[in-house]
Amino acid sequence: MLNEFAEKFGLERVEGKQHVDGLRSGTAYEIDGKGFRDGGAGFVIVEARRFTTSRQSQERIGGLAYRIMDTGADGGIIVSPLGLQEGAEKVAVAEGIVNVRLDQDSTKFEYVLQFLRDVMVGFHDVVSVTDALGMELREADGAVKERRGPSKEAAARDRWAGRPKSFNG
């Protein structure tokens, strides 16, 4: 989902879960995502934390801040439904970590995502499409001379044909 909003975060693209090597520690970190700056001029670490009973703590954000420093990343994005505790917010600001709030019940298509002062909402619905072709022959003055195609009743029937039986008349 972040890849759809990459531009809002100043990124060219976002890739999914992968391993990134620590330059100082020599250890490998599994990260939830990696966002690339325009032209490949750097990257940010993306961490998604679906903690539904408490906001992200100073210690958790401090751990992300160290991973940023150790890997040579330009910054980070923390995605969480409840946001950050006060101390965590201070660490995030100091270390270039962006807080993105994503509703805990979000799906790929239905979501509420909050970033700075922007709120993005996604939703979807099922739409049925039926094929029907109609034709009208009109005079120069716009008067209908002839109509061909399905009747209004047939068009309405076709529109409901794919519905569950309880919807059929």
N, C-alpha and C. Protein backbone atom coordinates (compact mmCIF):
# COMPACT_ATOMS: atom_id res chain seq x y z
N MET A 1 0.82 -1.19 0.00
CA MET A 1 0.00 0.00 0.00
C MET A 1 0.87 1.26 0.00
N LEU A 2 1.99 1.22 0.74
CA LEU A 2 2.86 2.41 0.78
C LEU A 2 3.40 2.75 -0.60
N ASN A 3 3.58 1.75 -1.45
CA ASN A 3 4.08 2.02 -2.79
C ASN A 3 3.12 2.94 -3.56
N GLU A 4 1.81 2.80 -3.29
CA GLU A 4 0.83 3.66 -3.95
C GLU A 4 0.99 5.12 -3.52
N PHE A 5 1.50 5.34 -2.31
CA PHE A 5 1.66 6.69 -1.78
C PHE A 5 3.13 7.10 -1.70
N ALA A 6 4.00 6.40 -2.40
CA ALA A 6 5.45 6.64 -2.32
C ALA A 6 5.79 8.11 -2.54
N GLU A 7 5.15 8.72 -3.52
CA GLU A 7 5.45 10.11 -3.86
C GLU A 7 5.18 11.05 -2.67
N LYS A 8 4.13 10.76 -1.90
CA LYS A 8 3.81 11.59 -0.72
C LYS A 8 4.95 11.55 0.30
N PHE A 9 5.69 10.45 0.33
CA PHE A 9 6.79 10.28 1.28
C PHE A 9 8.14 10.68 0.68
N GLY A 10 8.11 11.24 -0.52
CA GLY A 10 9.35 11.63 -1.18
C GLY A 10 10.13 10.44 -1.71
N LEU A 11 9.43 9.37 -2.04
CA LEU A 11 10.07 8.14 -2.51
C LEU A 11 9.67 7.82 -3.94
N GLU A 12 10.57 7.14 -4.62
CA GLU A 12 10.30 6.67 -5.98
C GLU A 12 9.47 5.40 -5.95
N ARG A 13 9.80 4.51 -5.01
CA ARG A 13 9.08 3.24 -4.87
C ARG A 13 9.37 2.64 -3.50
N VAL A 14 8.52 1.67 -3.13
CA VAL A 14 8.69 0.95 -1.87
C VAL A 14 8.65 -0.53 -2.17
N GLU A 15 9.65 -1.26 -1.69
CA GLU A 15 9.70 -2.72 -1.84
C GLU A 15 9.30 -3.36 -0.52
N GLY A 16 8.87 -4.62 -0.57
CA GLY A 16 8.41 -5.35 0.60
C GLY A 16 9.53 -5.89 1.47
N LYS A 17 9.15 -6.80 2.35
CA LYS A 17 10.02 -7.40 3.35
C LYS A 17 11.32 -7.90 2.73
N GLN A 18 12.44 -7.61 3.42
CA GLN A 18 13.76 -8.03 2.95
C GLN A 18 14.79 -7.89 4.07
N HIS A 19 16.00 -8.32 3.80
CA HIS A 19 17.10 -8.20 4.75
C HIS A 19 18.04 -7.07 4.32
N VAL A 20 18.50 -6.31 5.30
CA VAL A 20 19.45 -5.22 5.06
C VAL A 20 20.60 -5.42 6.03
N ASP A 21 21.83 -5.31 5.53
CA ASP A 21 23.01 -5.52 6.37
C ASP A 21 23.38 -4.27 7.15
N GLY A 22 23.76 -4.50 8.41
CA GLY A 22 24.28 -3.42 9.24
C GLY A 22 25.72 -3.14 8.86
N LEU A 23 26.06 -1.90 8.59
CA LEU A 23 27.41 -1.52 8.19
C LEU A 23 28.37 -1.49 9.37
N ARG A 24 27.88 -1.09 10.51
CA ARG A 24 28.72 -0.99 11.71
C ARG A 24 28.75 -2.30 12.48
N SER A 25 27.58 -2.92 12.65
CA SER A 25 27.48 -4.11 13.50
C SER A 25 27.79 -5.40 12.74
N GLY A 26 27.60 -5.39 11.42
CA GLY A 26 27.81 -6.60 10.63
C GLY A 26 26.64 -7.57 10.70
N THR A 27 25.58 -7.21 11.37
CA THR A 27 24.42 -8.08 11.46
C THR A 27 23.44 -7.78 10.33
N ALA A 28 22.52 -8.72 10.07
CA ALA A 28 21.48 -8.51 9.06
C ALA A 28 20.16 -8.26 9.76
N TYR A 29 19.42 -7.28 9.27
CA TYR A 29 18.12 -6.95 9.83
C TYR A 29 17.04 -7.32 8.85
N GLU A 30 15.96 -7.95 9.34
CA GLU A 30 14.79 -8.16 8.50
C GLU A 30 13.89 -6.93 8.68
N ILE A 31 13.60 -6.25 7.58
CA ILE A 31 12.75 -5.07 7.63
C ILE A 31 11.48 -5.32 6.85
N ASP A 32 10.42 -4.62 7.21
CA ASP A 32 9.12 -4.81 6.56
C ASP A 32 9.06 -4.20 5.18
N GLY A 33 9.87 -3.18 4.93
CA GLY A 33 9.89 -2.54 3.63
C GLY A 33 11.09 -1.63 3.49
N LYS A 34 11.39 -1.32 2.24
CA LYS A 34 12.51 -0.45 1.93
C LYS A 34 12.05 0.55 0.87
N GLY A 35 12.08 1.82 1.23
CA GLY A 35 11.67 2.87 0.31
C GLY A 35 12.88 3.52 -0.33
N PHE A 36 12.84 3.69 -1.64
CA PHE A 36 13.97 4.26 -2.37
C PHE A 36 13.68 5.70 -2.76
N ARG A 37 14.66 6.56 -2.51
CA ARG A 37 14.55 7.97 -2.90
C ARG A 37 14.58 8.07 -4.42
N ASP A 38 14.13 9.19 -4.94
CA ASP A 38 14.15 9.42 -6.38
C ASP A 38 15.56 9.25 -6.93
N GLY A 39 15.67 8.51 -8.01
CA GLY A 39 16.96 8.29 -8.65
C GLY A 39 17.87 7.34 -7.89
N GLY A 40 17.34 6.64 -6.89
CA GLY A 40 18.16 5.69 -6.13
C GLY A 40 19.20 6.36 -5.24
N ALA A 41 18.94 7.61 -4.85
CA ALA A 41 19.92 8.39 -4.08
C ALA A 41 19.89 8.07 -2.59
N GLY A 42 19.33 6.99 -2.19
CA GLY A 42 19.27 6.60 -0.78
C GLY A 42 18.01 5.80 -0.52
N PHE A 43 17.87 5.34 0.73
CA PHE A 43 16.70 4.55 1.07
C PHE A 43 16.26 4.84 2.50
N VAL A 44 15.02 4.47 2.78
CA VAL A 44 14.47 4.54 4.13
C VAL A 44 13.97 3.16 4.53
N ILE A 45 14.03 2.88 5.81
CA ILE A 45 13.52 1.62 6.35
C ILE A 45 12.06 1.82 6.72
N VAL A 46 11.23 0.86 6.32
CA VAL A 46 9.81 0.89 6.66
C VAL A 46 9.53 -0.23 7.64
N GLU A 47 8.94 0.11 8.78
CA GLU A 47 8.54 -0.87 9.78
C GLU A 47 7.04 -0.75 10.02
N ALA A 48 6.33 -1.85 9.95
CA ALA A 48 4.90 -1.89 10.22
C ALA A 48 4.69 -2.61 11.55
N ARG A 49 4.03 -1.93 12.47
CA ARG A 49 3.77 -2.51 13.79
C ARG A 49 2.29 -2.40 14.10
N ARG A 50 1.61 -3.52 14.10
CA ARG A 50 0.16 -3.52 14.33
C ARG A 50 -0.15 -3.76 15.81
N PHE A 51 0.37 -2.89 16.67
CA PHE A 51 0.08 -2.97 18.10
C PHE A 51 -1.24 -2.26 18.32
N THR A 52 -2.24 -2.97 18.84
CA THR A 52 -3.58 -2.41 18.94
C THR A 52 -3.95 -1.98 20.36
N THR A 53 -3.05 -2.20 21.33
CA THR A 53 -3.38 -1.83 22.71
C THR A 53 -2.47 -0.74 23.26
N SER A 54 -1.37 -0.44 22.59
CA SER A 54 -0.49 0.63 23.08
C SER A 54 0.21 1.30 21.91
N ARG A 55 0.53 2.57 22.10
CA ARG A 55 1.26 3.31 21.08
C ARG A 55 2.72 2.84 21.08
N GLN A 56 3.44 3.17 20.03
CA GLN A 56 4.84 2.77 19.91
C GLN A 56 5.67 3.48 20.98
N SER A 57 6.52 2.72 21.65
CA SER A 57 7.30 3.25 22.77
C SER A 57 8.61 3.88 22.30
N GLN A 58 9.20 4.64 23.18
CA GLN A 58 10.50 5.26 22.92
C GLN A 58 11.55 4.19 22.62
N GLU A 59 11.49 3.09 23.35
CA GLU A 59 12.46 2.01 23.14
C GLU A 59 12.33 1.39 21.75
N ARG A 60 11.11 1.13 21.30
CA ARG A 60 10.90 0.55 19.97
C ARG A 60 11.37 1.50 18.87
N ILE A 61 11.06 2.77 19.01
CA ILE A 61 11.48 3.75 18.01
C ILE A 61 13.00 3.94 18.08
N GLY A 62 13.56 3.84 19.28
CA GLY A 62 15.02 3.90 19.43
C GLY A 62 15.71 2.74 18.70
N GLY A 63 15.09 1.56 18.74
CA GLY A 63 15.62 0.41 18.00
C GLY A 63 15.59 0.65 16.51
N LEU A 64 14.51 1.24 16.02
CA LEU A 64 14.43 1.59 14.60
C LEU A 64 15.48 2.64 14.25
N ALA A 65 15.67 3.60 15.13
CA ALA A 65 16.67 4.65 14.91
C ALA A 65 18.07 4.03 14.79
N TYR A 66 18.37 3.03 15.60
CA TYR A 66 19.68 2.38 15.50
C TYR A 66 19.81 1.62 14.18
N ARG A 67 18.76 0.92 13.75
CA ARG A 67 18.81 0.20 12.47
C ARG A 67 19.05 1.18 11.32
N ILE A 68 18.44 2.35 11.40
CA ILE A 68 18.66 3.38 10.38
C ILE A 68 20.13 3.77 10.35
N MET A 69 20.69 4.04 11.51
CA MET A 69 22.10 4.46 11.62
C MET A 69 23.03 3.33 11.16
N ASP A 70 22.76 2.11 11.60
CA ASP A 70 23.64 0.97 11.31
C ASP A 70 23.63 0.59 9.82
N THR A 71 22.52 0.75 9.16
CA THR A 71 22.41 0.35 7.75
C THR A 71 22.77 1.47 6.78
N GLY A 72 22.89 2.68 7.28
CA GLY A 72 23.18 3.82 6.40
C GLY A 72 21.95 4.37 5.72
N ALA A 73 20.77 4.01 6.25
CA ALA A 73 19.52 4.52 5.67
C ALA A 73 19.41 6.02 5.92
N ASP A 74 18.61 6.68 5.08
CA ASP A 74 18.38 8.13 5.21
C ASP A 74 17.35 8.46 6.27
N GLY A 75 16.55 7.50 6.66
CA GLY A 75 15.49 7.72 7.63
C GLY A 75 14.60 6.51 7.70
N GLY A 76 13.41 6.69 8.28
CA GLY A 76 12.51 5.55 8.43
C GLY A 76 11.06 5.99 8.40
N ILE A 77 10.21 5.02 8.20
CA ILE A 77 8.76 5.21 8.27
C ILE A 77 8.24 4.14 9.22
N ILE A 78 7.50 4.57 10.24
CA ILE A 78 6.87 3.63 11.15
C ILE A 78 5.36 3.67 10.89
N VAL A 79 4.78 2.51 10.60
CA VAL A 79 3.35 2.40 10.30
C VAL A 79 2.70 1.68 11.47
N SER A 80 1.72 2.33 12.08
CA SER A 80 1.10 1.80 13.28
C SER A 80 -0.32 2.35 13.42
N PRO A 81 -1.24 1.59 14.01
CA PRO A 81 -2.60 2.10 14.15
C PRO A 81 -2.77 3.16 15.23
N LEU A 82 -1.91 3.15 16.26
CA LEU A 82 -2.13 4.04 17.39
C LEU A 82 -1.12 5.18 17.51
N GLY A 83 -0.12 5.22 16.67
CA GLY A 83 0.83 6.32 16.74
C GLY A 83 1.94 6.11 17.76
N LEU A 84 2.53 7.20 18.23
CA LEU A 84 3.73 7.15 19.07
C LEU A 84 3.47 7.75 20.45
N GLN A 85 4.16 7.20 21.46
CA GLN A 85 4.17 7.81 22.78
C GLN A 85 5.01 9.08 22.73
N GLU A 86 4.93 9.91 23.75
CA GLU A 86 5.61 11.21 23.75
C GLU A 86 7.12 11.08 23.54
N GLY A 87 7.78 10.20 24.28
CA GLY A 87 9.22 10.02 24.12
C GLY A 87 9.58 9.46 22.75
N ALA A 88 8.75 8.58 22.24
CA ALA A 88 8.97 8.00 20.91
C ALA A 88 8.86 9.08 19.84
N GLU A 89 7.93 10.00 20.01
CA GLU A 89 7.76 11.10 19.07
C GLU A 89 9.03 11.95 19.02
N LYS A 90 9.63 12.21 20.16
CA LYS A 90 10.87 13.00 20.22
C LYS A 90 12.01 12.30 19.49
N VAL A 91 12.14 10.99 19.70
CA VAL A 91 13.18 10.22 19.02
C VAL A 91 12.92 10.22 17.51
N ALA A 92 11.68 10.04 17.12
CA ALA A 92 11.33 10.00 15.70
C ALA A 92 11.69 11.32 15.02
N VAL A 93 11.36 12.44 15.63
CA VAL A 93 11.68 13.74 15.05
C VAL A 93 13.19 13.92 14.94
N ALA A 94 13.92 13.55 15.98
CA ALA A 94 15.38 13.72 15.99
C ALA A 94 16.08 12.85 14.96
N GLU A 95 15.51 11.68 14.65
CA GLU A 95 16.19 10.72 13.78
C GLU A 95 15.57 10.60 12.39
N GLY A 96 14.64 11.46 12.04
CA GLY A 96 14.06 11.44 10.69
C GLY A 96 13.14 10.27 10.44
N ILE A 97 12.38 9.88 11.47
CA ILE A 97 11.42 8.78 11.33
C ILE A 97 10.03 9.39 11.18
N VAL A 98 9.35 9.02 10.11
CA VAL A 98 8.01 9.54 9.82
C VAL A 98 6.98 8.59 10.40
N ASN A 99 6.01 9.15 11.11
CA ASN A 99 4.94 8.37 11.71
C ASN A 99 3.74 8.34 10.76
N VAL A 100 3.32 7.13 10.38
CA VAL A 100 2.15 6.93 9.53
C VAL A 100 1.16 6.09 10.31
N ARG A 101 -0.04 6.62 10.47
CA ARG A 101 -1.07 5.86 11.17
C ARG A 101 -1.97 5.17 10.15
N LEU A 102 -2.14 3.87 10.35
CA LEU A 102 -2.97 3.06 9.46
C LEU A 102 -3.95 2.29 10.33
N ASP A 103 -5.24 2.45 10.07
CA ASP A 103 -6.27 1.80 10.85
C ASP A 103 -6.00 0.30 10.96
N GLN A 104 -6.22 -0.26 12.15
CA GLN A 104 -5.90 -1.66 12.41
C GLN A 104 -6.69 -2.65 11.58
N ASP A 105 -7.85 -2.27 11.09
CA ASP A 105 -8.68 -3.17 10.30
C ASP A 105 -8.51 -2.95 8.80
N SER A 106 -7.45 -2.26 8.42
CA SER A 106 -7.24 -1.93 7.01
C SER A 106 -6.95 -3.16 6.17
N THR A 107 -7.39 -3.08 4.92
CA THR A 107 -7.05 -4.07 3.91
C THR A 107 -6.40 -3.31 2.76
N LYS A 108 -6.00 -4.04 1.74
CA LYS A 108 -5.39 -3.39 0.58
C LYS A 108 -6.32 -2.38 -0.07
N PHE A 109 -7.64 -2.62 0.01
CA PHE A 109 -8.60 -1.77 -0.67
C PHE A 109 -9.38 -0.85 0.26
N GLU A 110 -9.54 -1.24 1.51
CA GLU A 110 -10.30 -0.44 2.46
C GLU A 110 -9.38 -0.05 3.61
N TYR A 111 -9.14 1.26 3.75
CA TYR A 111 -8.18 1.72 4.75
C TYR A 111 -8.40 3.19 5.08
N VAL A 112 -7.83 3.58 6.22
CA VAL A 112 -7.71 4.98 6.59
C VAL A 112 -6.25 5.16 6.95
N LEU A 113 -5.54 5.98 6.21
CA LEU A 113 -4.11 6.21 6.39
C LEU A 113 -3.89 7.69 6.67
N GLN A 114 -3.19 7.99 7.77
CA GLN A 114 -2.94 9.38 8.15
C GLN A 114 -1.43 9.63 8.15
N PHE A 115 -1.04 10.67 7.44
CA PHE A 115 0.36 11.05 7.31
C PHE A 115 0.44 12.56 7.41
N LEU A 116 1.12 13.06 8.43
CA LEU A 116 1.17 14.49 8.72
C LEU A 116 -0.25 15.03 8.77
N ARG A 117 -0.61 15.94 7.88
CA ARG A 117 -1.97 16.50 7.89
C ARG A 117 -2.87 15.88 6.82
N ASP A 118 -2.36 14.91 6.10
CA ASP A 118 -3.14 14.26 5.05
C ASP A 118 -3.82 13.01 5.60
N VAL A 119 -5.04 12.79 5.17
CA VAL A 119 -5.76 11.56 5.48
C VAL A 119 -6.21 10.98 4.15
N MET A 120 -5.84 9.72 3.92
CA MET A 120 -6.21 9.03 2.69
C MET A 120 -7.13 7.87 3.06
N VAL A 121 -8.22 7.76 2.34
CA VAL A 121 -9.22 6.74 2.61
C VAL A 121 -9.41 5.91 1.36
N GLY A 122 -9.41 4.61 1.53
CA GLY A 122 -9.67 3.70 0.41
C GLY A 122 -10.92 2.89 0.69
N PHE A 123 -11.70 2.64 -0.32
CA PHE A 123 -12.87 1.79 -0.21
C PHE A 123 -13.16 1.17 -1.57
N HIS A 124 -13.93 0.12 -1.57
CA HIS A 124 -14.31 -0.49 -2.84
C HIS A 124 -15.71 -1.07 -2.72
N ASP A 125 -16.28 -1.32 -3.86
CA ASP A 125 -17.61 -1.90 -3.94
C ASP A 125 -17.64 -2.81 -5.16
N VAL A 126 -18.60 -3.65 -5.22
CA VAL A 126 -18.74 -4.55 -6.36
C VAL A 126 -19.73 -3.91 -7.33
N VAL A 127 -19.34 -3.85 -8.57
CA VAL A 127 -20.19 -3.28 -9.61
C VAL A 127 -20.38 -4.33 -10.68
N SER A 128 -21.62 -4.53 -11.10
CA SER A 128 -21.92 -5.47 -12.18
C SER A 128 -22.10 -4.69 -13.47
N VAL A 129 -21.60 -5.23 -14.53
CA VAL A 129 -21.74 -4.60 -15.84
C VAL A 129 -22.42 -5.59 -16.77
N THR A 130 -23.42 -5.12 -17.49
CA THR A 130 -24.06 -5.96 -18.49
C THR A 130 -23.91 -5.28 -19.84
N ASP A 131 -23.91 -6.08 -20.86
CA ASP A 131 -23.79 -5.53 -22.21
C ASP A 131 -25.19 -5.35 -22.81
N ALA A 132 -25.40 -4.20 -23.36
CA ALA A 132 -26.63 -3.93 -24.10
C ALA A 132 -26.29 -2.87 -25.13
N LEU A 133 -26.85 -3.01 -26.27
CA LEU A 133 -26.59 -2.05 -27.34
C LEU A 133 -27.91 -1.48 -27.80
N GLY A 134 -27.94 -0.18 -27.82
CA GLY A 134 -29.13 0.48 -28.30
C GLY A 134 -28.75 1.48 -29.39
N MET A 135 -29.73 1.83 -30.21
CA MET A 135 -29.46 2.76 -31.29
C MET A 135 -30.65 3.69 -31.44
N GLU A 136 -30.34 4.95 -31.71
CA GLU A 136 -31.38 5.92 -32.00
C GLU A 136 -31.04 6.60 -33.32
N LEU A 137 -32.03 6.72 -34.17
CA LEU A 137 -31.89 7.46 -35.42
C LEU A 137 -32.66 8.76 -35.23
N ARG A 138 -31.95 9.89 -35.37
CA ARG A 138 -32.57 11.19 -35.10
C ARG A 138 -32.62 12.04 -36.37
N GLU A 139 -33.64 12.87 -36.42
CA GLU A 139 -33.78 13.85 -37.50
C GLU A 139 -32.78 14.98 -37.23
N ALA A 140 -32.61 15.86 -38.21
CA ALA A 140 -31.69 16.99 -38.07
C ALA A 140 -32.08 17.89 -36.92
N ASP A 141 -33.39 17.96 -36.62
CA ASP A 141 -33.84 18.83 -35.53
C ASP A 141 -33.73 18.15 -34.16
N GLY A 142 -33.24 16.90 -34.12
CA GLY A 142 -33.05 16.18 -32.86
C GLY A 142 -34.18 15.24 -32.50
N ALA A 143 -35.26 15.24 -33.24
CA ALA A 143 -36.39 14.37 -32.95
C ALA A 143 -36.00 12.91 -33.25
N VAL A 144 -36.41 12.00 -32.36
CA VAL A 144 -36.09 10.58 -32.54
C VAL A 144 -36.98 10.01 -33.62
N LYS A 145 -36.36 9.45 -34.65
CA LYS A 145 -37.10 8.84 -35.76
C LYS A 145 -37.30 7.35 -35.50
N GLU A 146 -36.27 6.70 -34.96
CA GLU A 146 -36.37 5.25 -34.74
C GLU A 146 -35.45 4.87 -33.59
N ARG A 147 -35.90 3.90 -32.78
CA ARG A 147 -35.09 3.34 -31.69
C ARG A 147 -35.02 1.84 -31.88
N ARG A 148 -33.82 1.28 -31.64
CA ARG A 148 -33.65 -0.17 -31.66
C ARG A 148 -32.79 -0.56 -30.47
N GLY A 149 -33.10 -1.67 -29.87
CA GLY A 149 -32.33 -2.16 -28.73
C GLY A 149 -33.26 -2.70 -27.67
N PRO A 150 -32.71 -3.05 -26.53
CA PRO A 150 -33.54 -3.65 -25.49
C PRO A 150 -34.55 -2.64 -24.94
N SER A 151 -35.68 -3.14 -24.55
CA SER A 151 -36.69 -2.29 -23.92
C SER A 151 -36.21 -1.92 -22.52
N LYS A 152 -36.83 -0.93 -21.93
CA LYS A 152 -36.48 -0.55 -20.56
C LYS A 152 -36.68 -1.72 -19.62
N GLU A 153 -37.73 -2.48 -19.82
CA GLU A 153 -38.02 -3.64 -18.97
C GLU A 153 -36.93 -4.70 -19.11
N ALA A 154 -36.50 -4.96 -20.34
CA ALA A 154 -35.45 -5.97 -20.58
C ALA A 154 -34.13 -5.51 -19.98
N ALA A 155 -33.83 -4.22 -20.12
CA ALA A 155 -32.58 -3.70 -19.54
C ALA A 155 -32.59 -3.83 -18.03
N ALA A 156 -33.73 -3.53 -17.40
CA ALA A 156 -33.85 -3.65 -15.94
C ALA A 156 -33.72 -5.11 -15.53
N ARG A 157 -34.35 -6.02 -16.27
CA ARG A 157 -34.27 -7.45 -15.96
C ARG A 157 -32.82 -7.93 -16.07
N ASP A 158 -32.12 -7.55 -17.14
CA ASP A 158 -30.73 -7.96 -17.34
C ASP A 158 -29.83 -7.41 -16.23
N ARG A 159 -30.13 -6.22 -15.77
CA ARG A 159 -29.32 -5.58 -14.73
C ARG A 159 -29.41 -6.40 -13.43
N TRP A 160 -30.57 -7.00 -13.16
CA TRP A 160 -30.77 -7.75 -11.93
C TRP A 160 -30.50 -9.24 -12.08
N ALA A 161 -30.25 -9.71 -13.29
CA ALA A 161 -30.11 -11.16 -13.54
C ALA A 161 -28.98 -11.79 -12.74
N GLY A 162 -27.91 -11.09 -12.51
CA GLY A 162 -26.77 -11.67 -11.81
C GLY A 162 -26.85 -11.58 -10.31
N ARG A 163 -27.93 -11.02 -9.76
CA ARG A 163 -28.08 -10.85 -8.32
C ARG A 163 -28.50 -12.16 -7.65
N PRO A 164 -28.29 -12.28 -6.35
CA PRO A 164 -28.79 -13.47 -5.63
C PRO A 164 -30.31 -13.57 -5.78
N LYS A 165 -30.82 -14.78 -5.63
CA LYS A 165 -32.25 -15.05 -5.84
C LYS A 165 -33.14 -14.14 -5.00
N SER A 166 -32.71 -13.76 -3.78
CA SER A 166 -33.55 -12.94 -2.93
C SER A 166 -33.78 -11.55 -3.52
N PHE A 167 -32.94 -11.15 -4.49
CA PHE A 167 -33.10 -9.84 -5.11
C PHE A 167 -33.94 -9.89 -6.38
N ASN A 168 -34.15 -11.10 -6.93
CA ASN A 168 -34.92 -11.20 -8.18
C ASN A 168 -36.40 -10.97 -7.91
N GLY A 169 -37.07 -10.33 -8.84
CA GLY A 169 -38.49 -10.02 -8.67
C GLY A 169 -39.38 -11.10 -9.18
